[in-house]
């Protein structure tokens, strides 16, 4: 069994500026259809943290669209089962927090 952790901090204004400049074109390169563009900085941080946890970062082996963040019935973020299967991960947990300027995401994964 292998446990890995990924962490990311994202400046909300930086992501919002890019979104404002490129709009839906940018969102479609980062978000799956199930993810809300209004929460783009949160998803960005979460996906970066996940990619760090699996050891690849965002790039050829793992793109933003390979990672999908969903919410459970209570609104807690979770990594989609499809994403876990793609990267052969048996379990993952994610936490996202933010203030006015930044979003921080932490992902813990278990590979068997």
C-alpha atoms as a PDB file:
ATOM      1  CA  UNK A   1       0.000   0.000   0.000  1.00  0.00           C
ATOM      2  CA  UNK A   2       1.221   3.478  -0.879  1.00  0.00           C
ATOM      3  CA  UNK A   3      -0.123   6.753   0.561  1.00  0.00           C
ATOM      4  CA  UNK A   4       0.584  10.056  -1.172  1.00  0.00           C
ATOM      5  CA  UNK A   5      -0.340  13.663  -0.430  1.00  0.00           C
ATOM      6  CA  UNK A   6      -0.671  16.612  -2.802  1.00  0.00           C
ATOM      7  CA  UNK A   7      -1.199  20.258  -1.832  1.00  0.00           C
ATOM      8  CA  UNK A   8      -1.871  23.349  -3.914  1.00  0.00           C
ATOM      9  CA  UNK A   9      -2.524  27.009  -3.235  1.00  0.00           C
ATOM     10  CA  UNK A  10      -4.120  29.044  -6.012  1.00  0.00           C
ATOM     11  CA  UNK A  11      -4.665  32.786  -6.221  1.00  0.00           C
ATOM     12  CA  UNK A  12      -8.331  33.347  -7.099  1.00  0.00           C
ATOM     13  CA  UNK A  13      -7.734  36.606  -8.962  1.00  0.00           C
ATOM     14  CA  UNK A  14      -5.155  35.015 -11.282  1.00  0.00           C
ATOM     15  CA  UNK A  15      -7.596  32.279 -12.361  1.00  0.00           C
ATOM     16  CA  UNK A  16     -10.504  34.717 -12.638  1.00  0.00           C
ATOM     17  CA  UNK A  17      -8.463  37.031 -14.895  1.00  0.00           C
ATOM     18  CA  UNK A  18      -7.653  34.189 -17.285  1.00  0.00           C
ATOM     19  CA  UNK A  19     -11.305  33.115 -17.263  1.00  0.00           C
ATOM     20  CA  UNK A  20     -12.425  36.688 -17.938  1.00  0.00           C
ATOM     21  CA  UNK A  21     -10.010  36.935 -20.862  1.00  0.00           C
ATOM     22  CA  UNK A  22     -10.749  33.554 -22.493  1.00  0.00           C
ATOM     23  CA  UNK A  23     -14.182  32.661 -21.055  1.00  0.00           C
ATOM     24  CA  UNK A  24     -15.739  29.316 -21.890  1.00  0.00           C
ATOM     25  CA  UNK A  25     -12.775  28.302 -24.054  1.00  0.00           C
ATOM     26  CA  UNK A  26     -10.595  28.339 -20.939  1.00  0.00           C
ATOM     27  CA  UNK A  27     -13.235  26.635 -18.792  1.00  0.00           C
ATOM     28  CA  UNK A  28     -13.603  23.796 -21.313  1.00  0.00           C
ATOM     29  CA  UNK A  29      -9.859  23.105 -21.091  1.00  0.00           C
ATOM     30  CA  UNK A  30     -10.002  22.812 -17.298  1.00  0.00           C
ATOM     31  CA  UNK A  31     -13.496  21.690 -16.264  1.00  0.00           C
ATOM     32  CA  UNK A  32     -15.572  18.617 -17.031  1.00  0.00           C
ATOM     33  CA  UNK A  33     -19.277  19.163 -17.844  1.00  0.00           C
ATOM     34  CA  UNK A  34     -20.170  18.253 -14.223  1.00  0.00           C
ATOM     35  CA  UNK A  35     -18.019  21.028 -12.729  1.00  0.00           C
ATOM     36  CA  UNK A  36     -19.296  24.569 -12.081  1.00  0.00           C
ATOM     37  CA  UNK A  37     -17.329  27.415 -13.761  1.00  0.00           C
ATOM     38  CA  UNK A  38     -18.200  29.707 -10.841  1.00  0.00           C
ATOM     39  CA  UNK A  39     -15.932  27.541  -8.674  1.00  0.00           C
ATOM     40  CA  UNK A  40     -13.085  27.414 -11.195  1.00  0.00           C
ATOM     41  CA  UNK A  41     -10.316  28.466  -8.730  1.00  0.00           C
ATOM     42  CA  UNK A  42     -11.430  25.705  -6.334  1.00  0.00           C
ATOM     43  CA  UNK A  43     -11.355  23.066  -9.061  1.00  0.00           C
ATOM     44  CA  UNK A  44      -8.007  24.345 -10.330  1.00  0.00           C
ATOM     45  CA  UNK A  45      -6.408  23.969  -6.878  1.00  0.00           C
ATOM     46  CA  UNK A  46      -8.023  20.564  -6.307  1.00  0.00           C
ATOM     47  CA  UNK A  47      -6.866  19.206  -9.662  1.00  0.00           C
ATOM     48  CA  UNK A  48      -3.336  20.529  -9.162  1.00  0.00           C
ATOM     49  CA  UNK A  49      -3.217  18.903  -5.701  1.00  0.00           C
ATOM     50  CA  UNK A  50      -4.464  15.594  -7.134  1.00  0.00           C
ATOM     51  CA  UNK A  51      -1.898  15.647  -9.941  1.00  0.00           C
ATOM     52  CA  UNK A  52       0.850  16.286  -7.385  1.00  0.00           C
ATOM     53  CA  UNK A  53      -0.403  13.432  -5.207  1.00  0.00           C
ATOM     54  CA  UNK A  54      -0.181  10.956  -8.097  1.00  0.00           C
ATOM     55  CA  UNK A  55       3.307  12.250  -8.843  1.00  0.00           C
ATOM     56  CA  UNK A  56       2.843  13.602 -12.352  1.00  0.00           C
ATOM     57  CA  UNK A  57       1.667  17.168 -12.036  1.00  0.00           C
ATOM     58  CA  UNK A  58      -0.543  18.518 -14.812  1.00  0.00           C
ATOM     59  CA  UNK A  59       0.866  17.571 -18.201  1.00  0.00           C
ATOM     60  CA  UNK A  60       0.950  14.728 -20.707  1.00  0.00           C
ATOM     61  CA  UNK A  61       0.228  11.939 -18.211  1.00  0.00           C
ATOM     62  CA  UNK A  62      -2.552  13.791 -16.395  1.00  0.00           C
ATOM     63  CA  UNK A  63      -4.538  16.705 -17.793  1.00  0.00           C
ATOM     64  CA  UNK A  64      -7.107  18.868 -16.037  1.00  0.00           C
ATOM     65  CA  UNK A  65      -9.841  16.982 -17.907  1.00  0.00           C
ATOM     66  CA  UNK A  66      -8.564  13.624 -16.619  1.00  0.00           C
ATOM     67  CA  UNK A  67      -9.531  14.729 -13.118  1.00  0.00           C
ATOM     68  CA  UNK A  68     -13.139  15.273 -12.090  1.00  0.00           C
ATOM     69  CA  UNK A  69     -14.161  16.728  -8.746  1.00  0.00           C
ATOM     70  CA  UNK A  70     -17.705  15.982  -7.617  1.00  0.00           C
ATOM     71  CA  UNK A  71     -19.636  16.647  -4.420  1.00  0.00           C
ATOM     72  CA  UNK A  72     -21.385  14.207  -2.130  1.00  0.00           C
ATOM     73  CA  UNK A  73     -24.934  14.725  -0.829  1.00  0.00           C
ATOM     74  CA  UNK A  74     -23.670  17.034   1.923  1.00  0.00           C
ATOM     75  CA  UNK A  75     -21.557  19.132  -0.452  1.00  0.00           C
ATOM     76  CA  UNK A  76     -18.168  17.650   0.467  1.00  0.00           C
ATOM     77  CA  UNK A  77     -15.813  17.502  -2.531  1.00  0.00           C
ATOM     78  CA  UNK A  78     -14.658  14.110  -3.747  1.00  0.00           C
ATOM     79  CA  UNK A  79     -12.591  12.673  -6.565  1.00  0.00           C
ATOM     80  CA  UNK A  80     -14.886  10.964  -9.090  1.00  0.00           C
ATOM     81  CA  UNK A  81     -14.842   7.157  -9.280  1.00  0.00           C
ATOM     82  CA  UNK A  82     -13.946   7.492 -12.979  1.00  0.00           C
ATOM     83  CA  UNK A  83     -10.803   9.445 -12.054  1.00  0.00           C
ATOM     84  CA  UNK A  84      -9.818   6.962  -9.356  1.00  0.00           C
ATOM     85  CA  UNK A  85     -10.175   4.065 -11.793  1.00  0.00           C
ATOM     86  CA  UNK A  86      -8.173   5.826 -14.518  1.00  0.00           C
ATOM     87  CA  UNK A  87      -5.201   6.261 -12.183  1.00  0.00           C
ATOM     88  CA  UNK A  88      -5.595   2.916 -10.367  1.00  0.00           C
ATOM     89  CA  UNK A  89      -6.314   4.546  -7.017  1.00  0.00           C
ATOM     90  CA  UNK A  90      -8.270   2.606  -4.431  1.00  0.00           C
ATOM     91  CA  UNK A  91      -9.119   5.524  -2.156  1.00  0.00           C
ATOM     92  CA  UNK A  92      -8.797   9.313  -2.127  1.00  0.00           C
ATOM     93  CA  UNK A  93      -9.858  12.179   0.072  1.00  0.00           C
ATOM     94  CA  UNK A  94      -9.847  15.878  -0.677  1.00  0.00           C
ATOM     95  CA  UNK A  95     -10.218  19.038   1.359  1.00  0.00           C
ATOM     96  CA  UNK A  96     -10.633  22.521  -0.103  1.00  0.00           C
ATOM     97  CA  UNK A  97     -10.566  25.766   1.834  1.00  0.00           C
ATOM     98  CA  UNK A  98     -10.469  29.380   0.740  1.00  0.00           C
ATOM     99  CA  UNK A  99     -10.466  32.976   1.819  1.00  0.00           C
ATOM    100  CA  UNK A 100     -10.965  36.150  -0.213  1.00  0.00           C
ATOM    101  CA  UNK A 101      -7.681  35.771  -2.115  1.00  0.00           C
ATOM    102  CA  UNK A 102      -6.604  32.125  -2.172  1.00  0.00           C
ATOM    103  CA  UNK A 103      -7.803  28.543  -2.416  1.00  0.00           C
ATOM    104  CA  UNK A 104      -5.907  25.695  -0.776  1.00  0.00           C
ATOM    105  CA  UNK A 105      -6.560  22.065  -1.662  1.00  0.00           C
ATOM    106  CA  UNK A 106      -5.129  18.923  -0.079  1.00  0.00           C
ATOM    107  CA  UNK A 107      -5.509  15.468  -1.617  1.00  0.00           C
ATOM    108  CA  UNK A 108      -4.574  12.173   0.039  1.00  0.00           C
ATOM    109  CA  UNK A 109      -4.570   9.060  -2.137  1.00  0.00           C
ATOM    110  CA  UNK A 110      -4.079   5.358  -1.417  1.00  0.00           C
ATOM    111  CA  UNK A 111      -2.713   3.019  -4.058  1.00  0.00           C
ATOM    112  CA  UNK A 112      -2.682  -0.715  -3.461  1.00  0.00           C
END
